[in-house]
Amino acid sequence: MMFPKAKKGVTKIFIAEICSLIAAVVSGIVSVLVAKAGGIENFSFEGNMNSSSQIVLICSIAAAALLLLSGLFKIIGYIQAAGDEEYFTRAIIYAVISIVLYVTAGFLQNKTGAVMEWIYTIVIAVAELMQLLVMTSTINGLAELSYQCRRDDLVARGNTIIKIIGTVYTLNISLIIVSRVFKIFMQESILDTITMIVTAIILILTVIAYILYLGYLGKVSSMLRRN
């Protein structure tokens, strides 16, 4: 059997991404229900809950459980896959750095002052860059495994997906920085409208890129199980 560690690891990463996708859908349902009700404060989670409160509570617990399961599977998967391919080791390093940066950003988010706002923006931008490196390292690892299994079609597909994901993340990082710069001299209402439109475009591209990435993970996982 070729790449036994990578086979187990990539399969777990694939399962983790499926769990993340389901959690995102469930979280979206919660967001719609909360928005429709006019805010989370309109739900009662004590005593005799109504049907809407029960749905929100169940969906919230399910999403949290799926995210926890996804994170656990992803960590184990990367560690296992790193035993056969160095790119997955890099992905782990970038992932750890991004987590530290996102936690740091959480502490900085409510800080006031122009300097602190700029520090927060830079930290978030670098964290997004680390996420890009996690994904590109993962895809490069998958492409390298495909190359060694003589699957040139999967190598080419990996290179294409990297370009698409790179474009999406570049747009997102640019939006984070540019919106902070424009905030200095542009009216907030105009900036919010432009940001909303660009964010919607980036969101659509992100969904497309994620679907391609998920499909690629599944293809390589299947290839490794057959070899």
C-alpha atoms as a PDB file:
ATOM      1  CA  MET A   1       0.000   0.000   0.000  1.00  0.00           C
ATOM      2  CA  MET A   2       1.379   3.421  -1.005  1.00  0.00           C
ATOM      3  CA  PHE A   3       1.341   6.239   1.594  1.00  0.00           C
ATOM      4  CA  PRO A   4      -0.601   4.444   4.387  1.00  0.00           C
ATOM      5  CA  LYS A   5      -0.251   7.391   6.771  1.00  0.00           C
ATOM      6  CA  ALA A   6      -1.351   9.910   4.147  1.00  0.00           C
ATOM      7  CA  LYS A   7      -4.337   7.719   3.262  1.00  0.00           C
ATOM      8  CA  LYS A   8      -5.605   7.775   6.853  1.00  0.00           C
ATOM      9  CA  GLY A   9      -4.744  11.446   7.324  1.00  0.00           C
ATOM     10  CA  VAL A  10      -6.325  12.765   4.117  1.00  0.00           C
ATOM     11  CA  THR A  11      -9.479  10.725   4.787  1.00  0.00           C
ATOM     12  CA  LYS A  12      -9.787  12.327   8.234  1.00  0.00           C
ATOM     13  CA  ILE A  13      -9.176  15.813   6.797  1.00  0.00           C
ATOM     14  CA  PHE A  14     -11.912  15.154   4.236  1.00  0.00           C
ATOM     15  CA  ILE A  15     -14.352  14.028   6.951  1.00  0.00           C
ATOM     16  CA  ALA A  16     -13.400  17.097   9.017  1.00  0.00           C
ATOM     17  CA  GLU A  17     -14.171  19.430   6.110  1.00  0.00           C
ATOM     18  CA  ILE A  18     -17.556  17.727   5.578  1.00  0.00           C
ATOM     19  CA  CYS A  19     -18.333  18.284   9.263  1.00  0.00           C
ATOM     20  CA  SER A  20     -17.275  21.940   8.940  1.00  0.00           C
ATOM     21  CA  LEU A  21     -19.554  22.375   5.936  1.00  0.00           C
ATOM     22  CA  ILE A  22     -22.540  20.866   7.763  1.00  0.00           C
ATOM     23  CA  ALA A  23     -21.779  23.048  10.809  1.00  0.00           C
ATOM     24  CA  ALA A  24     -21.718  26.139   8.573  1.00  0.00           C
ATOM     25  CA  VAL A  25     -25.135  25.222   7.134  1.00  0.00           C
ATOM     26  CA  VAL A  26     -26.576  24.627  10.613  1.00  0.00           C
ATOM     27  CA  SER A  27     -25.093  27.938  11.829  1.00  0.00           C
ATOM     28  CA  GLY A  28     -26.692  29.635   8.836  1.00  0.00           C
ATOM     29  CA  ILE A  29     -30.088  28.225   9.848  1.00  0.00           C
ATOM     30  CA  VAL A  30     -29.572  29.584  13.372  1.00  0.00           C
ATOM     31  CA  SER A  31     -28.621  33.011  11.992  1.00  0.00           C
ATOM     32  CA  VAL A  32     -31.764  33.124   9.815  1.00  0.00           C
ATOM     33  CA  LEU A  33     -34.007  32.142  12.738  1.00  0.00           C
ATOM     34  CA  VAL A  34     -32.381  34.707  15.031  1.00  0.00           C
ATOM     35  CA  ALA A  35     -32.621  37.471  12.411  1.00  0.00           C
ATOM     36  CA  LYS A  36     -36.251  36.587  11.714  1.00  0.00           C
ATOM     37  CA  ALA A  37     -37.049  36.803  15.442  1.00  0.00           C
ATOM     38  CA  GLY A  38     -35.327  40.191  15.761  1.00  0.00           C
ATOM     39  CA  GLY A  39     -32.385  39.064  17.892  1.00  0.00           C
ATOM     40  CA  ILE A  40     -31.211  36.298  20.208  1.00  0.00           C
ATOM     41  CA  GLU A  41     -32.721  38.152  23.194  1.00  0.00           C
ATOM     42  CA  ASN A  42     -36.184  37.239  21.896  1.00  0.00           C
ATOM     43  CA  PHE A  43     -35.553  33.549  22.551  1.00  0.00           C
ATOM     44  CA  SER A  44     -36.138  31.866  25.903  1.00  0.00           C
ATOM     45  CA  PHE A  45     -33.824  28.995  26.829  1.00  0.00           C
ATOM     46  CA  GLU A  46     -35.178  28.370  30.311  1.00  0.00           C
ATOM     47  CA  GLY A  47     -38.233  26.529  31.522  1.00  0.00           C
ATOM     48  CA  ASN A  48     -40.853  25.710  28.889  1.00  0.00           C
ATOM     49  CA  MET A  49     -39.232  26.661  25.602  1.00  0.00           C
ATOM     50  CA  ASN A  50     -41.305  27.249  22.479  1.00  0.00           C
ATOM     51  CA  SER A  51     -40.552  25.368  19.255  1.00  0.00           C
ATOM     52  CA  SER A  52     -38.379  28.156  17.818  1.00  0.00           C
ATOM     53  CA  SER A  53     -36.211  28.308  20.945  1.00  0.00           C
ATOM     54  CA  GLN A  54     -35.826  24.527  20.909  1.00  0.00           C
ATOM     55  CA  ILE A  55     -34.747  24.542  17.249  1.00  0.00           C
ATOM     56  CA  VAL A  56     -32.207  27.323  17.858  1.00  0.00           C
ATOM     57  CA  LEU A  57     -30.806  25.552  20.930  1.00  0.00           C
ATOM     58  CA  ILE A  58     -30.550  22.158  19.184  1.00  0.00           C
ATOM     59  CA  CYS A  59     -28.988  23.675  16.061  1.00  0.00           C
ATOM     60  CA  SER A  60     -26.488  25.671  18.132  1.00  0.00           C
ATOM     61  CA  ILE A  61     -25.416  22.591  20.107  1.00  0.00           C
ATOM     62  CA  ALA A  62     -25.189  20.514  16.910  1.00  0.00           C
ATOM     63  CA  ALA A  63     -23.069  23.149  15.154  1.00  0.00           C
ATOM     64  CA  ALA A  64     -20.714  23.447  18.141  1.00  0.00           C
ATOM     65  CA  ALA A  65     -20.372  19.654  18.388  1.00  0.00           C
ATOM     66  CA  LEU A  66     -19.653  19.353  14.659  1.00  0.00           C
ATOM     67  CA  LEU A  67     -17.035  22.112  14.811  1.00  0.00           C
ATOM     68  CA  LEU A  68     -15.358  20.409  17.777  1.00  0.00           C
ATOM     69  CA  LEU A  69     -15.377  17.064  15.958  1.00  0.00           C
ATOM     70  CA  SER A  70     -14.091  18.741  12.804  1.00  0.00           C
ATOM     71  CA  GLY A  71     -11.203  20.394  14.621  1.00  0.00           C
ATOM     72  CA  LEU A  72     -10.204  17.139  16.318  1.00  0.00           C
ATOM     73  CA  PHE A  73     -10.335  15.130  13.091  1.00  0.00           C
ATOM     74  CA  LYS A  74      -8.415  17.798  11.198  1.00  0.00           C
ATOM     75  CA  ILE A  75      -5.573  17.911  13.739  1.00  0.00           C
ATOM     76  CA  ILE A  76      -5.256  14.109  13.766  1.00  0.00           C
ATOM     77  CA  GLY A  77      -5.503  14.008   9.976  1.00  0.00           C
ATOM     78  CA  TYR A  78      -2.734  16.542   9.408  1.00  0.00           C
ATOM     79  CA  ILE A  79      -0.444  14.813  11.900  1.00  0.00           C
ATOM     80  CA  GLN A  80      -0.995  11.433  10.225  1.00  0.00           C
ATOM     81  CA  ALA A  81      -0.626  12.762   6.667  1.00  0.00           C
ATOM     82  CA  ALA A  82       2.584  14.587   7.646  1.00  0.00           C
ATOM     83  CA  GLY A  83       4.168  11.162   8.126  1.00  0.00           C
ATOM     84  CA  ASP A  84       4.181  10.677   4.338  1.00  0.00           C
ATOM     85  CA  GLU A  85       4.309  14.234   2.967  1.00  0.00           C
ATOM     86  CA  GLU A  86       6.178  17.292   4.284  1.00  0.00           C
ATOM     87  CA  TYR A  87       3.623  19.812   2.989  1.00  0.00           C
ATOM     88  CA  PHE A  88       1.160  18.715   5.691  1.00  0.00           C
ATOM     89  CA  THR A  89       3.743  19.548   8.367  1.00  0.00           C
ATOM     90  CA  ARG A  90       3.889  23.093   6.982  1.00  0.00           C
ATOM     91  CA  ALA A  91       0.098  23.249   7.042  1.00  0.00           C
ATOM     92  CA  ILE A  92       0.129  22.383  10.767  1.00  0.00           C
ATOM     93  CA  ILE A  93       2.640  25.167  11.502  1.00  0.00           C
ATOM     94  CA  TYR A  94       0.631  27.757   9.561  1.00  0.00           C
ATOM     95  CA  ALA A  95      -2.582  26.597  11.258  1.00  0.00           C
ATOM     96  CA  VAL A  96      -1.080  27.058  14.742  1.00  0.00           C
ATOM     97  CA  ILE A  97       0.134  30.563  13.824  1.00  0.00           C
ATOM     98  CA  SER A  98      -3.294  31.497  12.456  1.00  0.00           C
ATOM     99  CA  ILE A  99      -5.039  30.300  15.639  1.00  0.00           C
ATOM    100  CA  VAL A 100      -2.693  32.427  17.776  1.00  0.00           C
ATOM    101  CA  LEU A 101      -3.363  35.442  15.535  1.00  0.00           C
ATOM    102  CA  TYR A 102      -7.153  34.995  15.624  1.00  0.00           C
ATOM    103  CA  VAL A 103      -7.080  34.708  19.434  1.00  0.00           C
ATOM    104  CA  THR A 104      -4.946  37.867  19.571  1.00  0.00           C
ATOM    105  CA  ALA A 105      -7.416  39.623  17.262  1.00  0.00           C
ATOM    106  CA  GLY A 106     -10.224  38.633  19.627  1.00  0.00           C
ATOM    107  CA  PHE A 107      -8.528  40.568  22.445  1.00  0.00           C
ATOM    108  CA  LEU A 108      -7.891  43.561  20.177  1.00  0.00           C
ATOM    109  CA  GLN A 109     -11.341  43.718  18.602  1.00  0.00           C
ATOM    110  CA  ASN A 110     -12.946  45.996  21.197  1.00  0.00           C
ATOM    111  CA  LYS A 111      -9.913  48.230  21.714  1.00  0.00           C
ATOM    112  CA  THR A 112     -10.416  51.852  20.709  1.00  0.00           C
ATOM    113  CA  GLY A 113      -8.011  54.260  19.061  1.00  0.00           C
ATOM    114  CA  ALA A 114      -6.612  54.517  15.542  1.00  0.00           C
ATOM    115  CA  VAL A 115      -3.383  52.674  16.389  1.00  0.00           C
ATOM    116  CA  MET A 116      -5.187  49.721  17.992  1.00  0.00           C
ATOM    117  CA  GLU A 117      -7.621  49.522  15.069  1.00  0.00           C
ATOM    118  CA  TRP A 118      -4.699  49.354  12.642  1.00  0.00           C
ATOM    119  CA  ILE A 119      -2.976  46.683  14.725  1.00  0.00           C
ATOM    120  CA  TYR A 120      -6.218  44.675  14.730  1.00  0.00           C
ATOM    121  CA  THR A 121      -6.530  45.041  10.939  1.00  0.00           C
ATOM    122  CA  ILE A 122      -2.943  43.899  10.369  1.00  0.00           C
ATOM    123  CA  VAL A 123      -3.343  40.919  12.717  1.00  0.00           C
ATOM    124  CA  ILE A 124      -6.535  39.811  10.928  1.00  0.00           C
ATOM    125  CA  ALA A 125      -4.897  40.259   7.509  1.00  0.00           C
ATOM    126  CA  VAL A 126      -1.876  38.153   8.528  1.00  0.00           C
ATOM    127  CA  ALA A 127      -4.190  35.522  10.047  1.00  0.00           C
ATOM    128  CA  GLU A 128      -6.030  35.301   6.719  1.00  0.00           C
ATOM    129  CA  LEU A 129      -2.681  34.956   4.955  1.00  0.00           C
ATOM    130  CA  MET A 130      -1.817  32.049   7.266  1.00  0.00           C
ATOM    131  CA  GLN A 131      -5.144  30.424   6.381  1.00  0.00           C
ATOM    132  CA  LEU A 132      -4.237  30.788   2.710  1.00  0.00           C
ATOM    133  CA  LEU A 133      -0.911  29.087   3.385  1.00  0.00           C
ATOM    134  CA  VAL A 134      -2.686  26.266   5.240  1.00  0.00           C
ATOM    135  CA  MET A 135      -4.894  25.578   2.235  1.00  0.00           C
ATOM    136  CA  THR A 136      -2.149  25.939  -0.383  1.00  0.00           C
ATOM    137  CA  SER A 137       0.171  23.693   1.642  1.00  0.00           C
ATOM    138  CA  THR A 138      -2.602  21.106   1.931  1.00  0.00           C
ATOM    139  CA  ILE A 139      -3.340  21.228  -1.795  1.00  0.00           C
ATOM    140  CA  ASN A 140       0.365  21.070  -2.642  1.00  0.00           C
ATOM    141  CA  GLY A 141       0.634  18.000  -0.419  1.00  0.00           C
ATOM    142  CA  LEU A 142      -2.330  16.402  -2.174  1.00  0.00           C
ATOM    143  CA  ALA A 143      -0.847  17.274  -5.582  1.00  0.00           C
ATOM    144  CA  GLU A 144       2.518  15.789  -4.616  1.00  0.00           C
ATOM    145  CA  LEU A 145       0.852  12.547  -3.544  1.00  0.00           C
ATOM    146  CA  SER A 146      -1.085  12.540  -6.822  1.00  0.00           C
ATOM    147  CA  TYR A 147       2.133  13.062  -8.775  1.00  0.00           C
ATOM    148  CA  GLN A 148       3.806  10.109  -7.093  1.00  0.00           C
ATOM    149  CA  CYS A 149       0.729   8.005  -7.878  1.00  0.00           C
ATOM    150  CA  ARG A 150       1.042   9.063 -11.552  1.00  0.00           C
ATOM    151  CA  ARG A 151      -2.207  11.045 -11.527  1.00  0.00           C
ATOM    152  CA  ASP A 152      -1.229  14.054 -13.635  1.00  0.00           C
ATOM    153  CA  ASP A 153      -4.918  15.035 -13.955  1.00  0.00           C
ATOM    154  CA  LEU A 154      -5.172  15.526 -10.196  1.00  0.00           C
ATOM    155  CA  VAL A 155      -1.878  17.446 -10.139  1.00  0.00           C
ATOM    156  CA  ALA A 156      -3.241  19.856 -12.765  1.00  0.00           C
ATOM    157  CA  ARG A 157      -6.525  20.214 -10.899  1.00  0.00           C
ATOM    158  CA  GLY A 158      -4.645  21.020  -7.687  1.00  0.00           C
ATOM    159  CA  ASN A 159      -2.669  23.772  -9.396  1.00  0.00           C
ATOM    160  CA  THR A 160      -5.890  25.297 -10.764  1.00  0.00           C
ATOM    161  CA  ILE A 161      -7.592  25.239  -7.355  1.00  0.00           C
ATOM    162  CA  ILE A 162      -4.561  26.911  -5.763  1.00  0.00           C
ATOM    163  CA  LYS A 163      -4.882  29.792  -8.248  1.00  0.00           C
ATOM    164  CA  ILE A 164      -8.598  30.171  -7.509  1.00  0.00           C
ATOM    165  CA  ILE A 165      -8.144  30.045  -3.727  1.00  0.00           C
ATOM    166  CA  GLY A 166      -5.178  32.419  -3.949  1.00  0.00           C
ATOM    167  CA  THR A 167      -7.345  34.914  -5.839  1.00  0.00           C
ATOM    168  CA  VAL A 168     -10.189  34.676  -3.303  1.00  0.00           C
ATOM    169  CA  TYR A 169      -7.915  35.158  -0.289  1.00  0.00           C
ATOM    170  CA  THR A 170      -6.031  38.002  -1.990  1.00  0.00           C
ATOM    171  CA  LEU A 171      -9.334  39.801  -2.563  1.00  0.00           C
ATOM    172  CA  ASN A 172     -10.384  39.203   1.042  1.00  0.00           C
ATOM    173  CA  ILE A 173      -7.085  40.419   2.515  1.00  0.00           C
ATOM    174  CA  SER A 174      -7.152  43.451   0.194  1.00  0.00           C
ATOM    175  CA  LEU A 175     -10.693  44.252   1.337  1.00  0.00           C
ATOM    176  CA  ILE A 176      -9.633  44.116   5.009  1.00  0.00           C
ATOM    177  CA  ILE A 177      -6.767  46.564   4.461  1.00  0.00           C
ATOM    178  CA  VAL A 178      -8.390  48.837   1.853  1.00  0.00           C
ATOM    179  CA  SER A 179     -11.593  49.273   3.881  1.00  0.00           C
ATOM    180  CA  ARG A 180      -9.480  50.437   6.823  1.00  0.00           C
ATOM    181  CA  VAL A 181      -7.643  52.947   4.601  1.00  0.00           C
ATOM    182  CA  PHE A 182     -10.844  54.234   2.970  1.00  0.00           C
ATOM    183  CA  LYS A 183     -12.441  54.668   6.393  1.00  0.00           C
ATOM    184  CA  ILE A 184     -10.123  57.641   6.920  1.00  0.00           C
ATOM    185  CA  PHE A 185     -11.524  59.806   4.123  1.00  0.00           C
ATOM    186  CA  MET A 186     -14.745  58.157   2.883  1.00  0.00           C
ATOM    187  CA  GLN A 187     -18.236  58.511   4.321  1.00  0.00           C
ATOM    188  CA  GLU A 188     -19.148  55.506   6.429  1.00  0.00           C
ATOM    189  CA  SER A 189     -22.468  54.888   4.636  1.00  0.00           C
ATOM    190  CA  ILE A 190     -20.781  54.771   1.213  1.00  0.00           C
ATOM    191  CA  LEU A 191     -17.961  52.593   2.514  1.00  0.00           C
ATOM    192  CA  ASP A 192     -20.456  50.166   4.116  1.00  0.00           C
ATOM    193  CA  THR A 193     -22.346  49.827   0.826  1.00  0.00           C
ATOM    194  CA  ILE A 194     -19.180  49.170  -1.188  1.00  0.00           C
ATOM    195  CA  THR A 195     -17.892  46.748   1.454  1.00  0.00           C
ATOM    196  CA  MET A 196     -21.204  44.868   1.463  1.00  0.00           C
ATOM    197  CA  ILE A 197     -21.159  44.438  -2.327  1.00  0.00           C
ATOM    198  CA  VAL A 198     -17.511  43.327  -2.442  1.00  0.00           C
ATOM    199  CA  THR A 199     -18.047  41.000   0.537  1.00  0.00           C
ATOM    200  CA  ALA A 200     -21.007  39.363  -1.232  1.00  0.00           C
ATOM    201  CA  ILE A 201     -18.837  38.759  -4.330  1.00  0.00           C
ATOM    202  CA  ILE A 202     -16.002  37.340  -2.206  1.00  0.00           C
ATOM    203  CA  LEU A 203     -18.494  35.107  -0.341  1.00  0.00           C
ATOM    204  CA  ILE A 204     -19.772  33.626  -3.613  1.00  0.00           C
ATOM    205  CA  LEU A 205     -16.209  33.017  -4.832  1.00  0.00           C
ATOM    206  CA  THR A 206     -15.305  31.498  -1.451  1.00  0.00           C
ATOM    207  CA  VAL A 207     -18.186  29.020  -1.666  1.00  0.00           C
ATOM    208  CA  ILE A 208     -17.117  28.018  -5.190  1.00  0.00           C
ATOM    209  CA  ALA A 209     -13.458  27.653  -4.130  1.00  0.00           C
ATOM    210  CA  TYR A 210     -14.422  25.615  -1.054  1.00  0.00           C
ATOM    211  CA  ILE A 211     -16.566  23.232  -3.100  1.00  0.00           C
ATOM    212  CA  LEU A 212     -13.672  22.721  -5.534  1.00  0.00           C
ATOM    213  CA  TYR A 213     -11.282  22.169  -2.602  1.00  0.00           C
ATOM    214  CA  LEU A 214     -13.648  19.685  -0.953  1.00  0.00           C
ATOM    215  CA  GLY A 215     -14.081  17.806  -4.211  1.00  0.00           C
ATOM    216  CA  TYR A 216     -10.318  17.670  -4.668  1.00  0.00           C
ATOM    217  CA  LEU A 217      -9.844  16.278  -1.171  1.00  0.00           C
ATOM    218  CA  GLY A 218     -12.404  13.597  -1.934  1.00  0.00           C
ATOM    219  CA  LYS A 219     -10.728  12.663  -5.243  1.00  0.00           C
ATOM    220  CA  VAL A 220      -7.270  12.332  -3.694  1.00  0.00           C
ATOM    221  CA  SER A 221      -8.684  10.437  -0.710  1.00  0.00           C
ATOM    222  CA  SER A 222     -10.314   7.950  -3.093  1.00  0.00           C
ATOM    223  CA  MET A 223      -7.063   7.648  -5.075  1.00  0.00           C
ATOM    224  CA  LEU A 224      -5.065   6.865  -1.924  1.00  0.00           C
ATOM    225  CA  ARG A 225      -7.573   4.223  -0.814  1.00  0.00           C
ATOM    226  CA  ARG A 226      -7.244   2.455  -4.181  1.00  0.00           C
ATOM    227  CA  ASN A 227      -3.415   2.450  -4.174  1.00  0.00           C
END
